[in-house]
Amino acid sequence: MKNWNVRKAVIAPDQMPEEHRLKKSLSWPHLVALGVGAIVGTGILTLIGVGAGKAGPAVILSFTIAGVICACAALAYAEVATMIPASGSAYTYSYVVFGELIAWMIGVALILEYTLVVSAVAVGWSGYASGFLKAIGLGLPEVLIQGPELGGIINLPAIFIIWVVAALLIAGTRESATFNAILVLIKMAALALFIAVALPVFNADHFHPFMPFGFPRSGPSGSEVGVMAAAAIIFFAFYGFDAIATAAEEAKNPSRDLAIGIVGSMVVCVLIYMAVAAAAIGAVAYTGFANSTEPLALILREIGQPWAAKVLGASAVIALPTVILAFFYGQSRIFFTVARDGLLPSSLARVSRRGTPVRITIFTAIVTSVFGGLIPLTSIAALANAGTLAAFIAVCAAMLVLRRREPHAERKFRAPAAPLVATVGIVGCLYLFISLPNRTQIFFLSAQVIGLVLYAIYGSRAAERARAR
């Protein structure tokens, strides 16, 4: 444990070995599209049903609370990312600011987050894909679209889409980013269609009682309800901008493009979520779509617009992979950076002739396929949130430390009211963590203990050898 407080020095890409260098190919429109593609997805298309089941009409308040906390974290990310324009997101920032041990713990949290997010969105995509195929007479057997916990054998559509996205990323970063931007436009058009069709049947009575389950988390373990219980789950719906930070070394102008991508995508998505959530509850009472795997499509069918439901279902099938792509991309870059630092086998940190980390991408696909094929959506989303909350706390704290340690350092982007923003981000994330299901908290803490053991027996010495080379 002697190296626990060793801090990482950021090395310019042109000083790295050729096989560890990522290709600079992304501009700020690619990054905004990557962020919007990551944020707007399963959270609004699927988890709005889960949130409504826990909070009732007050799910709108849950979205607001989660959005404010994420906005504070986004501002912290934008400032720190432009000061430390290196791949690795919160893991790298923690390594530079706090030292190796904290970085390793955040790395474990990020790997947990990204792996589970990819799996969760794949399960969410499977719900819409299965519903769409059934609507056109090509439905799959139930045992092949559900994991064992829900009475099936395996979720084949979820595994299928994971490997399709893996193939895209192996093909090339710029190519996959351009394809992602096209799919994001399709997704925005589908959500605009939902709002336009749902608003004419808006009924204010659906908002009473507004908070049927109260504000704080309550209820038995595994069945928690309340505004904060919903916020702790649908918090999943807002993050995704942190995937942009993993693209630092592939951005053409990181000091400018990262801030635009992170803040821009977050602002766009908060506005979209508020509008969609209000239209959904106004159209159909929350009990009518709570816990549905395809709530927005269900709402459209309930109000007598089956054609719009089919269009939305088709667009979800086409466009939800943008979320998988963004987080899969982020996951592979986190693994890549940790391996490049020596905390994982350095052989994994090799890039192909196209400038993409193929070995890490294949490894990530295998891991996420196991989760996506066997575990239900709600459980995965809750587990993913725990890792994200830890990363957000670390970045907010890093911004405060850098403000004190390096007050005169150049900052291409300065978060307004930094002490307040960081405090709201840290306290809000801690409150959301407390509001998560108990088994999720235990799972996360257990993963951190396992991570500490691995660091003691392997990571510390391996990183020391990597620095010596």
Protein backbone atom coordinates (compact mmCIF):
# COMPACT_ATOMS: atom_id res chain seq x y z
CA MET A 1 0.00 0.00 0.00
CA LYS A 2 3.07 2.27 -0.06
CA ASN A 3 1.97 3.94 -3.32
CA TRP A 4 -1.56 4.77 -2.19
CA ASN A 5 -1.02 8.56 -2.47
CA VAL A 6 1.16 8.62 -5.60
CA ARG A 7 -0.34 11.17 -7.98
CA LYS A 8 -0.41 10.74 -11.73
CA ALA A 9 1.35 13.15 -14.07
CA VAL A 10 -0.60 13.82 -17.26
CA ILE A 11 1.53 12.96 -20.31
CA ALA A 12 0.94 14.56 -23.70
CA PRO A 13 -0.38 12.03 -26.24
CA ASP A 14 2.57 12.57 -28.58
CA GLN A 15 4.92 11.41 -25.78
CA MET A 16 3.13 8.07 -25.34
CA PRO A 17 4.10 4.84 -27.11
CA GLU A 18 2.37 4.50 -30.48
CA GLU A 19 0.33 1.45 -29.42
CA HIS A 20 -1.15 3.39 -26.47
CA ARG A 21 -2.17 6.47 -28.47
CA LEU A 22 -5.82 7.20 -29.28
CA LYS A 23 -6.66 8.95 -32.56
CA LYS A 24 -7.93 12.58 -32.36
CA SER A 25 -11.07 12.50 -34.49
CA LEU A 26 -13.95 14.11 -32.54
CA SER A 27 -15.23 17.71 -32.64
CA TRP A 28 -17.76 19.35 -30.29
CA PRO A 29 -20.87 18.39 -32.34
CA HIS A 30 -19.79 14.76 -32.02
CA LEU A 31 -19.41 15.22 -28.25
CA VAL A 32 -22.81 16.91 -27.81
CA ALA A 33 -24.41 14.10 -29.82
CA LEU A 34 -22.52 11.56 -27.74
CA GLY A 35 -23.82 13.18 -24.55
CA VAL A 36 -27.43 13.53 -25.72
CA GLY A 37 -27.28 10.00 -27.10
CA ALA A 38 -26.10 8.72 -23.73
CA ILE A 39 -28.52 10.73 -21.57
CA VAL A 40 -31.76 10.46 -23.53
CA GLY A 41 -32.53 6.78 -23.70
CA THR A 42 -33.63 4.09 -21.30
CA GLY A 43 -34.17 6.66 -18.55
CA ILE A 44 -37.02 8.45 -20.31
CA LEU A 45 -38.19 5.64 -22.62
CA THR A 46 -38.29 2.91 -19.95
CA LEU A 47 -37.45 4.05 -16.40
CA ILE A 48 -40.19 6.70 -16.35
CA GLY A 49 -42.53 3.76 -15.71
CA VAL A 50 -40.40 2.48 -12.83
CA GLY A 51 -40.21 6.00 -11.36
CA ALA A 52 -43.96 6.54 -11.64
CA GLY A 53 -44.56 3.29 -9.78
CA LYS A 54 -42.42 4.57 -6.90
CA ALA A 55 -43.44 8.24 -6.75
CA GLY A 56 -46.73 8.62 -8.64
CA PRO A 57 -47.19 11.99 -10.42
CA ALA A 58 -44.39 13.36 -8.21
CA VAL A 59 -41.99 11.49 -10.51
CA ILE A 60 -41.68 14.91 -12.16
CA LEU A 61 -40.22 16.18 -8.88
CA SER A 62 -37.92 13.14 -8.82
CA PHE A 63 -36.69 14.07 -12.30
CA THR A 64 -36.11 17.65 -11.15
CA ILE A 65 -34.09 16.62 -8.07
CA ALA A 66 -31.95 14.16 -10.03
CA GLY A 67 -31.48 16.76 -12.77
CA VAL A 68 -30.28 19.51 -10.39
CA ILE A 69 -27.75 17.18 -8.77
CA CYS A 70 -26.51 16.01 -12.17
CA ALA A 71 -26.28 19.61 -13.40
CA CYS A 72 -23.96 20.46 -10.50
CA ALA A 73 -21.83 17.42 -11.27
CA ALA A 74 -21.80 18.37 -14.97
CA LEU A 75 -20.41 21.84 -14.18
CA ALA A 76 -17.68 20.26 -12.04
CA TYR A 77 -16.87 17.79 -14.82
CA ALA A 78 -16.64 20.60 -17.38
CA GLU A 79 -14.13 22.56 -15.28
CA VAL A 80 -11.94 19.61 -14.28
CA ALA A 81 -12.04 17.99 -17.74
CA THR A 82 -10.68 21.13 -19.42
CA MET A 83 -7.88 21.34 -16.81
CA ILE A 84 -6.99 17.64 -17.17
CA PRO A 85 -7.71 16.80 -20.84
CA ALA A 86 -6.80 13.12 -20.55
CA SER A 87 -8.79 9.95 -21.12
CA GLY A 88 -10.20 8.19 -18.07
CA SER A 89 -12.82 10.64 -16.75
CA ALA A 90 -13.24 10.62 -12.93
CA TYR A 91 -10.62 7.86 -12.58
CA THR A 92 -7.91 10.03 -14.14
CA TYR A 93 -9.00 13.18 -12.28
CA SER A 94 -8.85 11.28 -8.97
CA TYR A 95 -5.39 9.92 -9.87
CA VAL A 96 -4.09 13.42 -10.61
CA VAL A 97 -5.73 15.14 -7.61
CA PHE A 98 -6.00 12.53 -4.82
CA GLY A 99 -3.59 9.72 -5.63
CA GLU A 100 -3.51 6.11 -6.76
CA LEU A 101 -5.70 4.40 -4.15
CA ILE A 102 -8.65 6.80 -4.50
CA ALA A 103 -8.26 6.57 -8.28
CA TRP A 104 -8.42 2.78 -8.11
CA MET A 105 -11.60 2.91 -6.00
CA ILE A 106 -13.20 5.36 -8.42
CA GLY A 107 -12.02 3.16 -11.29
CA VAL A 108 -13.85 0.22 -9.71
CA ALA A 109 -16.97 2.41 -9.34
CA LEU A 110 -16.76 3.56 -12.97
CA ILE A 111 -16.25 0.05 -14.31
CA LEU A 112 -19.26 -1.01 -12.26
CA GLU A 113 -21.26 1.95 -13.62
CA TYR A 114 -20.46 1.58 -17.30
CA THR A 115 -20.72 -2.20 -17.39
CA LEU A 116 -24.12 -2.11 -15.74
CA VAL A 117 -25.40 0.85 -17.79
CA VAL A 118 -24.60 -0.92 -21.05
CA SER A 119 -26.36 -4.01 -19.70
CA ALA A 120 -29.38 -2.04 -18.44
CA VAL A 121 -29.90 -0.16 -21.69
CA ALA A 122 -29.56 -3.39 -23.64
CA VAL A 123 -32.37 -4.84 -21.49
CA GLY A 124 -34.43 -1.67 -22.05
CA TRP A 125 -33.84 -1.94 -25.81
CA SER A 126 -34.88 -5.57 -25.66
CA GLY A 127 -38.24 -4.55 -24.13
CA TYR A 128 -39.00 -2.16 -26.99
CA ALA A 129 -37.59 -4.49 -29.66
CA SER A 130 -39.67 -7.41 -28.38
CA GLY A 131 -42.80 -5.23 -28.21
CA PHE A 132 -42.21 -3.92 -31.74
CA LEU A 133 -41.61 -7.42 -33.16
CA LYS A 134 -44.76 -8.68 -31.46
CA ALA A 135 -46.78 -5.78 -32.89
CA ILE A 136 -45.77 -6.75 -36.43
CA GLY A 137 -46.35 -10.47 -35.85
CA LEU A 138 -42.74 -11.56 -35.31
CA GLY A 139 -42.72 -11.91 -31.51
CA LEU A 140 -40.05 -14.00 -29.77
CA PRO A 141 -40.82 -16.63 -27.09
CA GLU A 142 -41.00 -15.12 -23.58
CA VAL A 143 -38.22 -17.41 -22.32
CA LEU A 144 -35.80 -15.81 -24.82
CA ILE A 145 -36.54 -12.17 -23.89
CA GLN A 146 -36.33 -12.39 -20.08
CA GLY A 147 -33.60 -13.37 -17.63
CA PRO A 148 -34.06 -16.22 -15.11
CA GLU A 149 -35.27 -13.87 -12.34
CA LEU A 150 -38.34 -12.98 -14.45
CA GLY A 151 -39.12 -16.56 -15.47
CA GLY A 152 -37.16 -16.74 -18.72
CA ILE A 153 -33.91 -18.40 -19.72
CA ILE A 154 -31.89 -15.61 -21.35
CA ASN A 155 -32.45 -12.17 -22.90
CA LEU A 156 -31.21 -12.79 -26.43
CA PRO A 157 -32.12 -9.37 -27.91
CA ALA A 158 -30.06 -7.66 -25.19
CA ILE A 159 -27.00 -9.76 -25.99
CA PHE A 160 -27.51 -9.22 -29.72
CA ILE A 161 -27.49 -5.42 -29.51
CA ILE A 162 -24.40 -5.38 -27.26
CA TRP A 163 -22.38 -7.19 -29.91
CA VAL A 164 -23.72 -5.01 -32.73
CA VAL A 165 -22.49 -1.90 -30.88
CA ALA A 166 -19.15 -3.58 -30.10
CA ALA A 167 -18.66 -4.19 -33.82
CA LEU A 168 -19.39 -0.51 -34.55
CA LEU A 169 -16.80 0.68 -32.03
CA ILE A 170 -14.19 -1.72 -33.36
CA ALA A 171 -14.80 -0.29 -36.85
CA GLY A 172 -13.66 3.18 -35.73
CA THR A 173 -14.37 6.02 -33.28
CA ARG A 174 -15.28 8.76 -35.79
CA GLU A 175 -17.39 6.39 -37.88
CA SER A 176 -19.38 5.24 -34.83
CA ALA A 177 -19.73 8.85 -33.57
CA THR A 178 -21.18 10.02 -36.91
CA PHE A 179 -23.62 7.11 -36.96
CA ASN A 180 -24.53 7.95 -33.36
CA ALA A 181 -25.36 11.58 -34.31
CA ILE A 182 -27.81 10.39 -36.98
CA LEU A 183 -29.58 8.07 -34.53
CA VAL A 184 -29.78 10.86 -31.91
CA LEU A 185 -31.76 13.00 -34.39
CA ILE A 186 -34.19 10.10 -34.92
CA LYS A 187 -34.64 9.77 -31.16
CA MET A 188 -35.33 13.49 -30.70
CA ALA A 189 -37.94 13.40 -33.46
CA ALA A 190 -39.67 10.42 -31.79
CA LEU A 191 -39.89 12.19 -28.41
CA ALA A 192 -41.23 15.33 -30.11
CA LEU A 193 -43.89 13.14 -31.75
CA PHE A 194 -44.86 11.69 -28.35
CA ILE A 195 -45.31 15.15 -26.83
CA ALA A 196 -47.32 16.39 -29.83
CA VAL A 197 -49.68 13.39 -29.73
CA ALA A 198 -50.05 13.21 -25.92
CA LEU A 199 -50.63 16.90 -25.14
CA PRO A 200 -54.10 17.17 -26.76
CA VAL A 201 -55.47 14.64 -24.21
CA PHE A 202 -53.73 16.24 -21.21
CA ASN A 203 -55.80 15.83 -18.03
CA ALA A 204 -54.70 17.78 -14.93
CA ASP A 205 -56.70 15.40 -12.70
CA HIS A 206 -54.00 12.76 -13.26
CA PHE A 207 -51.69 14.83 -11.03
CA HIS A 208 -53.88 14.30 -7.91
CA PRO A 209 -52.81 13.10 -5.44
CA PHE A 210 -49.44 14.47 -6.47
CA MET A 211 -47.28 12.64 -3.92
CA PRO A 212 -49.14 9.42 -2.97
CA PHE A 213 -46.08 7.72 -1.44
CA GLY A 214 -44.48 10.70 0.32
CA PHE A 215 -41.09 12.34 -0.17
CA PRO A 216 -38.43 10.26 1.66
CA ARG A 217 -37.67 6.64 0.84
CA SER A 218 -39.97 4.21 2.62
CA GLY A 219 -41.21 0.66 2.31
CA PRO A 220 -39.60 -2.79 2.58
CA SER A 221 -36.17 -3.50 1.12
CA GLY A 222 -36.43 -4.12 -2.62
CA SER A 223 -39.83 -2.36 -2.86
CA GLU A 224 -38.91 1.15 -1.73
CA VAL A 225 -41.27 4.00 -2.70
CA GLY A 226 -41.30 7.79 -2.38
CA VAL A 227 -39.96 10.75 -4.36
CA MET A 228 -36.35 10.11 -3.29
CA ALA A 229 -36.62 6.36 -3.94
CA ALA A 230 -37.70 7.22 -7.49
CA ALA A 231 -34.99 9.91 -7.84
CA ALA A 232 -32.32 7.41 -6.77
CA ILE A 233 -33.38 5.07 -9.59
CA ILE A 234 -34.18 7.56 -12.38
CA PHE A 235 -30.95 9.41 -11.60
CA PHE A 236 -29.84 6.81 -14.14
CA ALA A 237 -31.82 8.82 -16.69
CA PHE A 238 -29.59 11.89 -16.42
CA TYR A 239 -26.03 10.78 -16.38
CA GLY A 240 -24.21 10.09 -19.56
CA PHE A 241 -22.39 13.39 -19.90
CA ASP A 242 -19.51 11.79 -17.99
CA ALA A 243 -18.99 9.53 -21.01
CA ILE A 244 -17.94 12.69 -22.87
CA ALA A 245 -15.05 13.17 -20.43
CA THR A 246 -13.64 9.78 -21.46
CA ALA A 247 -13.21 11.20 -24.99
CA ALA A 248 -10.66 13.84 -23.91
CA GLU A 249 -7.73 12.35 -25.83
CA GLU A 250 -9.83 11.86 -28.96
CA ALA A 251 -11.22 15.42 -29.02
CA LYS A 252 -9.63 17.72 -31.58
CA ASN A 253 -9.75 20.74 -29.23
CA PRO A 254 -10.38 19.28 -25.74
CA SER A 255 -10.06 22.55 -23.79
CA ARG A 256 -13.05 23.97 -25.70
CA ASP A 257 -14.98 20.94 -26.97
CA LEU A 258 -15.30 19.09 -23.65
CA ALA A 259 -17.05 21.98 -21.87
CA ILE A 260 -19.45 22.52 -24.79
CA GLY A 261 -20.23 18.82 -24.99
CA ILE A 262 -20.81 18.29 -21.24
CA VAL A 263 -22.83 21.42 -20.42
CA GLY A 264 -24.65 21.57 -23.76
CA SER A 265 -25.89 18.00 -23.68
CA MET A 266 -27.05 18.33 -20.06
CA VAL A 267 -29.11 21.49 -20.71
CA VAL A 268 -30.81 19.97 -23.75
CA CYS A 269 -31.70 16.78 -21.91
CA VAL A 270 -33.14 18.40 -18.76
CA LEU A 271 -35.61 20.35 -20.92
CA ILE A 272 -36.59 17.23 -22.87
CA TYR A 273 -37.20 15.17 -19.74
CA MET A 274 -39.45 17.71 -18.07
CA ALA A 275 -41.63 18.01 -21.16
CA VAL A 276 -41.94 14.24 -21.76
CA ALA A 277 -42.69 13.40 -18.09
CA ALA A 278 -45.43 16.05 -17.86
CA ALA A 279 -47.02 14.92 -21.14
CA ALA A 280 -46.93 11.25 -20.08
CA ILE A 281 -48.67 11.74 -16.73
CA GLY A 282 -51.15 14.21 -18.21
CA ALA A 283 -52.18 11.71 -20.88
CA VAL A 284 -52.63 8.59 -18.71
CA ALA A 285 -52.85 8.12 -14.92
CA TYR A 286 -49.50 6.89 -13.62
CA THR A 287 -51.00 3.57 -12.50
CA GLY A 288 -51.68 2.80 -16.14
CA PHE A 289 -48.02 2.67 -17.14
CA ALA A 290 -46.12 2.14 -13.87
CA ASN A 291 -43.44 -0.55 -14.21
CA SER A 292 -44.11 -1.11 -17.93
CA THR A 293 -41.06 -2.08 -20.01
CA GLU A 294 -42.26 0.30 -22.78
CA PRO A 295 -44.27 3.01 -20.95
CA LEU A 296 -44.36 5.70 -23.64
CA ALA A 297 -45.51 3.30 -26.33
CA LEU A 298 -48.11 1.92 -23.89
CA ILE A 299 -49.42 5.44 -23.21
CA LEU A 300 -49.86 6.09 -26.93
CA ARG A 301 -51.83 2.87 -27.34
CA GLU A 302 -53.98 3.74 -24.32
CA ILE A 303 -54.99 7.11 -25.82
CA GLY A 304 -55.96 5.46 -29.11
CA GLN A 305 -52.87 6.27 -31.16
CA PRO A 306 -51.45 2.83 -32.08
CA TRP A 307 -49.73 4.22 -35.16
CA ALA A 308 -47.72 6.63 -33.00
CA ALA A 309 -46.90 3.78 -30.59
CA LYS A 310 -45.49 1.78 -33.50
CA VAL A 311 -43.44 4.75 -34.70
CA LEU A 312 -42.10 5.36 -31.17
CA GLY A 313 -41.36 1.66 -30.70
CA ALA A 314 -39.53 1.51 -34.02
CA SER A 315 -37.51 4.66 -33.21
CA ALA A 316 -36.60 3.24 -29.80
CA VAL A 317 -35.41 0.04 -31.43
CA ILE A 318 -33.36 2.08 -33.89
CA ALA A 319 -32.09 4.82 -31.54
CA LEU A 320 -31.67 3.31 -28.05
CA PRO A 321 -28.35 1.79 -29.20
CA THR A 322 -26.95 5.36 -29.07
CA VAL A 323 -26.96 5.03 -25.26
CA ILE A 324 -25.26 1.65 -25.43
CA LEU A 325 -22.70 3.06 -27.85
CA ALA A 326 -21.87 6.06 -25.64
CA PHE A 327 -21.47 4.05 -22.45
CA PHE A 328 -19.75 1.14 -24.19
CA TYR A 329 -17.33 3.70 -25.60
CA GLY A 330 -16.78 5.18 -22.14
CA GLN A 331 -16.34 1.76 -20.54
CA SER A 332 -13.72 0.67 -23.05
CA ARG A 333 -11.79 3.95 -22.53
CA ILE A 334 -11.88 3.54 -18.74
CA PHE A 335 -10.56 -0.02 -19.02
CA PHE A 336 -8.00 1.19 -21.57
CA THR A 337 -6.69 4.01 -19.34
CA VAL A 338 -6.52 1.84 -16.21
CA ALA A 339 -4.59 -0.79 -18.18
CA ARG A 340 -2.28 1.87 -19.66
CA ASP A 341 -1.49 3.01 -16.12
CA GLY A 342 -0.54 -0.56 -15.21
CA LEU A 343 -3.38 -1.21 -12.75
CA LEU A 344 -4.73 -3.80 -15.22
CA PRO A 345 -2.58 -5.90 -17.60
CA SER A 346 -0.95 -3.43 -20.00
CA SER A 347 -1.47 -5.79 -22.94
CA LEU A 348 -5.14 -4.75 -22.86
CA ALA A 349 -4.15 -1.13 -23.58
CA ARG A 350 -3.19 -1.69 -27.20
CA VAL A 351 -4.98 -0.03 -30.07
CA SER A 352 -5.57 -1.40 -33.56
CA ARG A 353 -4.37 0.15 -36.81
CA ARG A 354 -7.66 2.10 -36.87
CA GLY A 355 -6.83 3.64 -33.48
CA THR A 356 -9.41 1.67 -31.45
CA PRO A 357 -8.79 -0.60 -28.41
CA VAL A 358 -10.14 -3.87 -29.87
CA ARG A 359 -9.11 -6.21 -27.02
CA ILE A 360 -10.79 -4.06 -24.37
CA THR A 361 -13.92 -3.69 -26.51
CA ILE A 362 -14.32 -7.47 -26.90
CA PHE A 363 -13.67 -8.02 -23.18
CA THR A 364 -16.30 -5.38 -22.33
CA ALA A 365 -18.84 -7.02 -24.65
CA ILE A 366 -18.40 -10.38 -22.93
CA VAL A 367 -18.88 -8.93 -19.43
CA THR A 368 -21.91 -6.80 -20.34
CA SER A 369 -23.54 -9.70 -22.20
CA VAL A 370 -23.59 -11.74 -19.00
CA PHE A 371 -25.38 -8.98 -17.07
CA GLY A 372 -27.72 -7.98 -19.89
CA GLY A 373 -28.73 -11.55 -20.68
CA LEU A 374 -29.50 -12.64 -17.12
CA ILE A 375 -30.47 -9.68 -14.85
CA PRO A 376 -33.69 -7.54 -14.95
CA LEU A 377 -33.61 -3.80 -15.70
CA THR A 378 -34.53 -2.31 -12.31
CA SER A 379 -31.82 -4.23 -10.44
CA ILE A 380 -29.14 -3.27 -12.99
CA ALA A 381 -30.10 0.44 -12.99
CA ALA A 382 -29.95 0.68 -9.19
CA LEU A 383 -26.52 -0.99 -9.09
CA ALA A 384 -25.20 1.26 -11.86
CA ASN A 385 -26.31 4.38 -9.99
CA ALA A 386 -24.14 3.58 -6.96
CA GLY A 387 -20.94 3.65 -9.05
CA THR A 388 -21.95 6.88 -10.77
CA LEU A 389 -22.71 8.65 -7.49
CA ALA A 390 -19.22 7.80 -6.21
CA ALA A 391 -17.63 9.17 -9.39
CA PHE A 392 -19.67 12.39 -9.24
CA ILE A 393 -18.68 12.98 -5.61
CA ALA A 394 -15.01 12.49 -6.54
CA VAL A 395 -15.16 15.01 -9.41
CA CYS A 396 -16.98 17.66 -7.33
CA ALA A 397 -14.36 17.21 -4.58
CA ALA A 398 -11.54 17.36 -7.16
CA MET A 399 -12.82 20.72 -8.41
CA LEU A 400 -12.74 22.14 -4.88
CA VAL A 401 -9.23 20.79 -4.21
CA LEU A 402 -7.89 22.19 -7.48
CA ARG A 403 -9.45 25.59 -6.75
CA ARG A 404 -7.51 25.64 -3.47
CA ARG A 405 -4.29 23.90 -4.62
CA GLU A 406 -3.95 25.66 -7.99
CA PRO A 407 -6.02 28.87 -7.74
CA HIS A 408 -4.17 30.62 -10.56
CA ALA A 409 -4.07 27.72 -13.02
CA GLU A 410 -5.67 28.37 -16.41
CA ARG A 411 -9.30 27.24 -16.57
CA LYS A 412 -10.90 27.21 -20.01
CA PHE A 413 -14.23 26.74 -18.23
CA ARG A 414 -15.01 27.97 -14.71
CA ALA A 415 -18.03 26.58 -12.88
CA PRO A 416 -20.11 29.45 -11.41
CA ALA A 417 -20.33 29.56 -7.59
CA ALA A 418 -17.95 26.59 -7.40
CA PRO A 419 -18.21 26.00 -3.60
CA LEU A 420 -22.02 25.94 -3.77
CA VAL A 421 -22.12 23.81 -6.93
CA ALA A 422 -19.66 21.27 -5.50
CA THR A 423 -21.44 21.14 -2.13
CA VAL A 424 -24.86 20.56 -3.73
CA GLY A 425 -23.32 17.90 -5.96
CA ILE A 426 -21.62 16.05 -3.08
CA VAL A 427 -24.48 16.27 -0.56
CA GLY A 428 -27.08 15.48 -3.21
CA CYS A 429 -25.18 12.41 -4.40
CA LEU A 430 -24.76 11.17 -0.82
CA TYR A 431 -28.50 11.58 -0.22
CA LEU A 432 -29.31 9.68 -3.41
CA PHE A 433 -26.92 6.90 -2.36
CA ILE A 434 -28.71 6.62 0.99
CA SER A 435 -32.01 6.45 -0.92
CA LEU A 436 -30.88 3.48 -3.03
CA PRO A 437 -32.15 -0.02 -2.11
CA ASN A 438 -30.17 -1.55 0.78
CA ARG A 439 -28.96 -4.49 -1.30
CA THR A 440 -27.56 -2.06 -3.86
CA GLN A 441 -25.56 -0.26 -1.16
CA ILE A 442 -24.24 -3.58 0.16
CA PHE A 443 -23.31 -4.74 -3.34
CA PHE A 444 -21.43 -1.51 -4.05
CA LEU A 445 -19.51 -1.56 -0.76
CA SER A 446 -18.68 -5.25 -1.29
CA ALA A 447 -17.30 -4.43 -4.75
CA GLN A 448 -15.11 -1.72 -3.21
CA VAL A 449 -13.76 -4.15 -0.58
CA ILE A 450 -12.92 -6.67 -3.33
CA GLY A 451 -11.30 -3.84 -5.27
CA LEU A 452 -9.10 -2.88 -2.30
CA VAL A 453 -7.95 -6.49 -1.95
CA LEU A 454 -7.07 -6.65 -5.65
CA TYR A 455 -5.20 -3.36 -5.39
CA ALA A 456 -3.15 -4.65 -2.44
CA ILE A 457 -2.20 -7.96 -4.05
CA TYR A 458 -1.79 -6.83 -7.67
CA GLY A 459 -2.63 -3.26 -8.67
CA SER A 460 -0.14 -1.32 -6.57
CA ARG A 461 2.93 -3.34 -7.63
CA ALA A 462 1.81 -3.51 -11.26
CA ALA A 463 1.36 0.27 -11.43
CA GLU A 464 4.78 0.77 -9.85
CA ARG A 465 6.37 -1.44 -12.51
CA ALA A 466 4.53 0.48 -15.25
CA ARG A 467 5.87 3.81 -13.93
CA ALA A 468 9.40 2.41 -13.89
CA ARG A 469 9.29 1.51 -17.59
